[in-house]
Amino acid sequence: MNFDIQVATLDDYDAVGEVMFKAVREGDSPYTTAERIAWMPRPRTGEDWRKRLSAQHVLKATSEPGELVGFMSLCDNGYVDFAYILPHARGQGLFRKMYKIIEDTAKAGRVSRLSTHASVHAQPAFSAMGFDIVQKETVMIEGETLERYEMIKAL
């Protein structure tokens, strides 16, 4: 599968919210159905969502024929806030391609360290990019306890 990676705009934000929803709720996952529903009860949209993404460098990835299949974002402080890929687009190098652009953007902005809170599902992909686990965490969302990893990478 060929991917086109571009900077997302305000017009893309509802669509990337839908990608996030589908990435969490569909396909194989180490999380239970109840945990996935608690984490992502509905696609993210609205003013708060647009405001959050507008403060970040957001990449979107499309496949032929223009289907949005993933996105990744970087905050000015080096925090990788979002990294989601639709199930049918996983395992084809898309995470690595988006991450490389994110890392290059961070380096160009003189960021010396990247950090993230990776899901159990995303942790191996971040580890493959050179991130180290700082600690395993549990977070409570809508009565469900989800595990995740605080991770960092020096640039």
C-alpha atoms as a PDB file:
ATOM      1  CA  MET A   1       0.000   0.000   0.000  1.00  0.00           C
ATOM      2  CA  ASN A   2       1.335   3.450  -0.917  1.00  0.00           C
ATOM      3  CA  PHE A   3       0.826   6.298   1.511  1.00  0.00           C
ATOM      4  CA  ASP A   4       0.774  10.050   1.053  1.00  0.00           C
ATOM      5  CA  ILE A   5       1.740  11.926   4.226  1.00  0.00           C
ATOM      6  CA  GLN A   6       0.865  15.606   4.555  1.00  0.00           C
ATOM      7  CA  VAL A   7       0.312  18.176   7.273  1.00  0.00           C
ATOM      8  CA  ALA A   8      -3.309  18.052   8.409  1.00  0.00           C
ATOM      9  CA  THR A   9      -5.417  21.198   8.384  1.00  0.00           C
ATOM     10  CA  LEU A  10      -8.439  22.295  10.358  1.00  0.00           C
ATOM     11  CA  ASP A  11     -10.641  20.744   7.677  1.00  0.00           C
ATOM     12  CA  ASP A  12      -9.094  17.321   8.451  1.00  0.00           C
ATOM     13  CA  TYR A  13      -9.593  17.315  12.216  1.00  0.00           C
ATOM     14  CA  ASP A  14     -13.012  15.639  12.328  1.00  0.00           C
ATOM     15  CA  ALA A  15     -11.738  12.964   9.933  1.00  0.00           C
ATOM     16  CA  VAL A  16      -8.678  12.235  12.075  1.00  0.00           C
ATOM     17  CA  GLY A  17     -11.014  11.997  15.071  1.00  0.00           C
ATOM     18  CA  GLU A  18     -12.861   9.283  13.152  1.00  0.00           C
ATOM     19  CA  VAL A  19      -9.575   7.499  12.406  1.00  0.00           C
ATOM     20  CA  MET A  20      -8.733   7.575  16.115  1.00  0.00           C
ATOM     21  CA  PHE A  21     -12.147   6.114  16.964  1.00  0.00           C
ATOM     22  CA  LYS A  22     -11.838   3.294  14.421  1.00  0.00           C
ATOM     23  CA  ALA A  23      -8.215   2.561  15.346  1.00  0.00           C
ATOM     24  CA  VAL A  24      -9.206   2.059  18.981  1.00  0.00           C
ATOM     25  CA  ARG A  25     -12.522   0.301  18.453  1.00  0.00           C
ATOM     26  CA  GLU A  26     -11.798  -1.945  15.436  1.00  0.00           C
ATOM     27  CA  GLY A  27      -9.251  -4.675  14.748  1.00  0.00           C
ATOM     28  CA  ASP A  28      -7.120  -6.714  17.104  1.00  0.00           C
ATOM     29  CA  SER A  29      -6.335  -5.123  20.447  1.00  0.00           C
ATOM     30  CA  PRO A  30      -4.821  -6.054  23.796  1.00  0.00           C
ATOM     31  CA  TYR A  31      -7.667  -4.083  25.404  1.00  0.00           C
ATOM     32  CA  THR A  32     -11.061  -5.553  26.211  1.00  0.00           C
ATOM     33  CA  THR A  33     -14.198  -4.324  24.473  1.00  0.00           C
ATOM     34  CA  ALA A  34     -15.248  -2.517  27.662  1.00  0.00           C
ATOM     35  CA  GLU A  35     -11.857  -0.792  27.907  1.00  0.00           C
ATOM     36  CA  ARG A  36     -12.011   0.272  24.258  1.00  0.00           C
ATOM     37  CA  ILE A  37     -15.519   1.693  24.682  1.00  0.00           C
ATOM     38  CA  ALA A  38     -14.443   3.612  27.811  1.00  0.00           C
ATOM     39  CA  TRP A  39     -11.341   4.966  26.049  1.00  0.00           C
ATOM     40  CA  MET A  40     -13.163   5.987  22.891  1.00  0.00           C
ATOM     41  CA  PRO A  41     -16.953   6.188  23.362  1.00  0.00           C
ATOM     42  CA  ARG A  42     -17.371   8.271  20.178  1.00  0.00           C
ATOM     43  CA  PRO A  43     -15.229   9.990  17.557  1.00  0.00           C
ATOM     44  CA  ARG A  44     -13.613  13.209  18.709  1.00  0.00           C
ATOM     45  CA  THR A  45     -15.010  16.362  17.141  1.00  0.00           C
ATOM     46  CA  GLY A  46     -15.907  19.880  18.133  1.00  0.00           C
ATOM     47  CA  GLU A  47     -14.225  23.054  19.262  1.00  0.00           C
ATOM     48  CA  ASP A  48     -12.089  21.515  22.052  1.00  0.00           C
ATOM     49  CA  TRP A  49     -10.779  18.868  19.651  1.00  0.00           C
ATOM     50  CA  ARG A  50      -9.981  21.465  16.973  1.00  0.00           C
ATOM     51  CA  LYS A  51      -8.279  23.690  19.542  1.00  0.00           C
ATOM     52  CA  ARG A  52      -6.126  20.805  20.846  1.00  0.00           C
ATOM     53  CA  LEU A  53      -4.991  19.764  17.365  1.00  0.00           C
ATOM     54  CA  SER A  54      -4.462  23.354  16.204  1.00  0.00           C
ATOM     55  CA  ALA A  55      -1.768  23.701  18.870  1.00  0.00           C
ATOM     56  CA  GLN A  56       0.170  20.726  17.429  1.00  0.00           C
ATOM     57  CA  HIS A  57       1.982  19.643  14.279  1.00  0.00           C
ATOM     58  CA  VAL A  58      -0.422  17.024  12.898  1.00  0.00           C
ATOM     59  CA  LEU A  59       0.407  14.671  10.043  1.00  0.00           C
ATOM     60  CA  LYS A  60      -2.238  12.754   8.123  1.00  0.00           C
ATOM     61  CA  ALA A  61      -1.662   9.697   5.986  1.00  0.00           C
ATOM     62  CA  THR A  62      -3.837   8.719   3.067  1.00  0.00           C
ATOM     63  CA  SER A  63      -3.780   5.644   0.855  1.00  0.00           C
ATOM     64  CA  GLU A  64      -5.096   5.170  -2.638  1.00  0.00           C
ATOM     65  CA  PRO A  65      -7.717   6.364  -3.497  1.00  0.00           C
ATOM     66  CA  GLY A  66      -7.353   9.085  -0.885  1.00  0.00           C
ATOM     67  CA  GLU A  67      -8.639   7.207   2.176  1.00  0.00           C
ATOM     68  CA  LEU A  68      -7.412   8.725   5.451  1.00  0.00           C
ATOM     69  CA  VAL A  69      -5.738   5.810   7.253  1.00  0.00           C
ATOM     70  CA  GLY A  70      -3.625   7.356  10.010  1.00  0.00           C
ATOM     71  CA  PHE A  71      -2.331  10.402  11.799  1.00  0.00           C
ATOM     72  CA  MET A  72       0.387  11.401  14.249  1.00  0.00           C
ATOM     73  CA  SER A  73       0.950  14.629  16.149  1.00  0.00           C
ATOM     74  CA  LEU A  74       3.730  16.508  17.895  1.00  0.00           C
ATOM     75  CA  CYS A  75       3.486  19.231  20.518  1.00  0.00           C
ATOM     76  CA  ASP A  76       6.091  22.012  20.636  1.00  0.00           C
ATOM     77  CA  ASN A  77       7.591  20.513  23.811  1.00  0.00           C
ATOM     78  CA  GLY A  78       8.371  17.203  22.062  1.00  0.00           C
ATOM     79  CA  TYR A  79       5.339  15.274  23.264  1.00  0.00           C
ATOM     80  CA  VAL A  80       3.950  12.846  20.676  1.00  0.00           C
ATOM     81  CA  ASP A  81       0.287  13.211  21.589  1.00  0.00           C
ATOM     82  CA  PHE A  82      -1.452  11.052  18.980  1.00  0.00           C
ATOM     83  CA  ALA A  83      -0.384   8.107  16.805  1.00  0.00           C
ATOM     84  CA  TYR A  84      -3.236   6.105  15.258  1.00  0.00           C
ATOM     85  CA  ILE A  85      -3.444   3.880  12.201  1.00  0.00           C
ATOM     86  CA  LEU A  86      -6.496   2.031  10.909  1.00  0.00           C
ATOM     87  CA  PRO A  87      -6.247  -1.753  11.324  1.00  0.00           C
ATOM     88  CA  HIS A  88      -6.064  -2.549   7.592  1.00  0.00           C
ATOM     89  CA  ALA A  89      -3.147  -0.111   7.116  1.00  0.00           C
ATOM     90  CA  ARG A  90      -0.990  -1.471   9.967  1.00  0.00           C
ATOM     91  CA  GLY A  91       2.117  -3.534   9.406  1.00  0.00           C
ATOM     92  CA  GLN A  92       3.108  -1.719   6.212  1.00  0.00           C
ATOM     93  CA  GLY A  93       5.640   0.769   7.541  1.00  0.00           C
ATOM     94  CA  LEU A  94       3.258   3.705   7.947  1.00  0.00           C
ATOM     95  CA  PHE A  95       4.047   4.279  11.631  1.00  0.00           C
ATOM     96  CA  ARG A  96       7.767   4.428  10.810  1.00  0.00           C
ATOM     97  CA  LYS A  97       7.193   6.840   7.893  1.00  0.00           C
ATOM     98  CA  MET A  98       5.060   9.247   9.949  1.00  0.00           C
ATOM     99  CA  TYR A  99       7.373   8.987  12.941  1.00  0.00           C
ATOM    100  CA  LYS A 100      10.441   9.867  10.835  1.00  0.00           C
ATOM    101  CA  ILE A 101       8.765  13.117   9.754  1.00  0.00           C
ATOM    102  CA  ILE A 102       7.725  13.863  13.356  1.00  0.00           C
ATOM    103  CA  GLU A 103      11.273  13.295  14.597  1.00  0.00           C
ATOM    104  CA  ASP A 104      12.765  15.454  11.830  1.00  0.00           C
ATOM    105  CA  THR A 105      10.264  18.205  12.707  1.00  0.00           C
ATOM    106  CA  ALA A 106      11.250  18.003  16.371  1.00  0.00           C
ATOM    107  CA  LYS A 107      14.952  18.181  15.535  1.00  0.00           C
ATOM    108  CA  ALA A 108      14.367  21.186  13.265  1.00  0.00           C
ATOM    109  CA  GLY A 109      12.607  22.863  16.200  1.00  0.00           C
ATOM    110  CA  ARG A 110      15.608  22.141  18.426  1.00  0.00           C
ATOM    111  CA  VAL A 111      13.679  19.695  20.600  1.00  0.00           C
ATOM    112  CA  SER A 112      16.189  17.531  22.489  1.00  0.00           C
ATOM    113  CA  ARG A 113      13.817  14.827  23.716  1.00  0.00           C
ATOM    114  CA  LEU A 114      10.572  13.218  22.623  1.00  0.00           C
ATOM    115  CA  SER A 115       8.059  11.745  25.037  1.00  0.00           C
ATOM    116  CA  THR A 116       4.735   9.971  24.814  1.00  0.00           C
ATOM    117  CA  HIS A 117       2.219   7.893  26.703  1.00  0.00           C
ATOM    118  CA  ALA A 118       1.900   4.805  24.513  1.00  0.00           C
ATOM    119  CA  SER A 119      -0.914   2.311  24.663  1.00  0.00           C
ATOM    120  CA  VAL A 120      -0.048  -1.340  25.158  1.00  0.00           C
ATOM    121  CA  HIS A 121      -0.706  -1.715  21.430  1.00  0.00           C
ATOM    122  CA  ALA A 122       1.566   1.194  20.382  1.00  0.00           C
ATOM    123  CA  GLN A 123       4.430   0.553  22.813  1.00  0.00           C
ATOM    124  CA  PRO A 124       6.293  -1.915  20.539  1.00  0.00           C
ATOM    125  CA  ALA A 125       6.179   0.553  17.628  1.00  0.00           C
ATOM    126  CA  PHE A 126       7.597   3.355  19.782  1.00  0.00           C
ATOM    127  CA  SER A 127      10.247   0.993  21.189  1.00  0.00           C
ATOM    128  CA  ALA A 128      11.248   0.098  17.622  1.00  0.00           C
ATOM    129  CA  MET A 129      11.829   3.829  16.997  1.00  0.00           C
ATOM    130  CA  GLY A 130      14.240   4.013  19.944  1.00  0.00           C
ATOM    131  CA  PHE A 131      11.920   5.079  22.759  1.00  0.00           C
ATOM    132  CA  ASP A 132      12.658   3.748  26.240  1.00  0.00           C
ATOM    133  CA  ILE A 133      10.002   2.891  28.791  1.00  0.00           C
ATOM    134  CA  VAL A 134      10.143   5.190  31.811  1.00  0.00           C
ATOM    135  CA  GLN A 135       7.333   3.397  33.617  1.00  0.00           C
ATOM    136  CA  LYS A 136       4.230   1.334  33.107  1.00  0.00           C
ATOM    137  CA  GLU A 137       1.117   3.217  34.198  1.00  0.00           C
ATOM    138  CA  THR A 138      -2.532   2.512  34.757  1.00  0.00           C
ATOM    139  CA  VAL A 139      -5.191   5.109  34.099  1.00  0.00           C
ATOM    140  CA  MET A 140      -8.847   5.025  35.062  1.00  0.00           C
ATOM    141  CA  ILE A 141     -11.252   6.007  32.288  1.00  0.00           C
ATOM    142  CA  GLU A 142     -15.008   5.743  32.734  1.00  0.00           C
ATOM    143  CA  GLY A 143     -14.610   3.053  35.403  1.00  0.00           C
ATOM    144  CA  GLU A 144     -12.154   0.965  33.358  1.00  0.00           C
ATOM    145  CA  THR A 145      -8.471   0.579  34.196  1.00  0.00           C
ATOM    146  CA  LEU A 146      -6.206   0.782  31.150  1.00  0.00           C
ATOM    147  CA  GLU A 147      -2.480   0.140  31.034  1.00  0.00           C
ATOM    148  CA  ARG A 148      -0.077   2.351  29.115  1.00  0.00           C
ATOM    149  CA  TYR A 149       3.609   3.265  29.037  1.00  0.00           C
ATOM    150  CA  GLU A 150       5.353   6.557  29.672  1.00  0.00           C
ATOM    151  CA  MET A 151       8.194   6.611  27.141  1.00  0.00           C
ATOM    152  CA  ILE A 152      11.042   8.950  26.152  1.00  0.00           C
ATOM    153  CA  LYS A 153      13.681   9.235  23.445  1.00  0.00           C
ATOM    154  CA  ALA A 154      16.696  11.545  23.462  1.00  0.00           C
ATOM    155  CA  LEU A 155      17.346  13.214  20.100  1.00  0.00           C
END
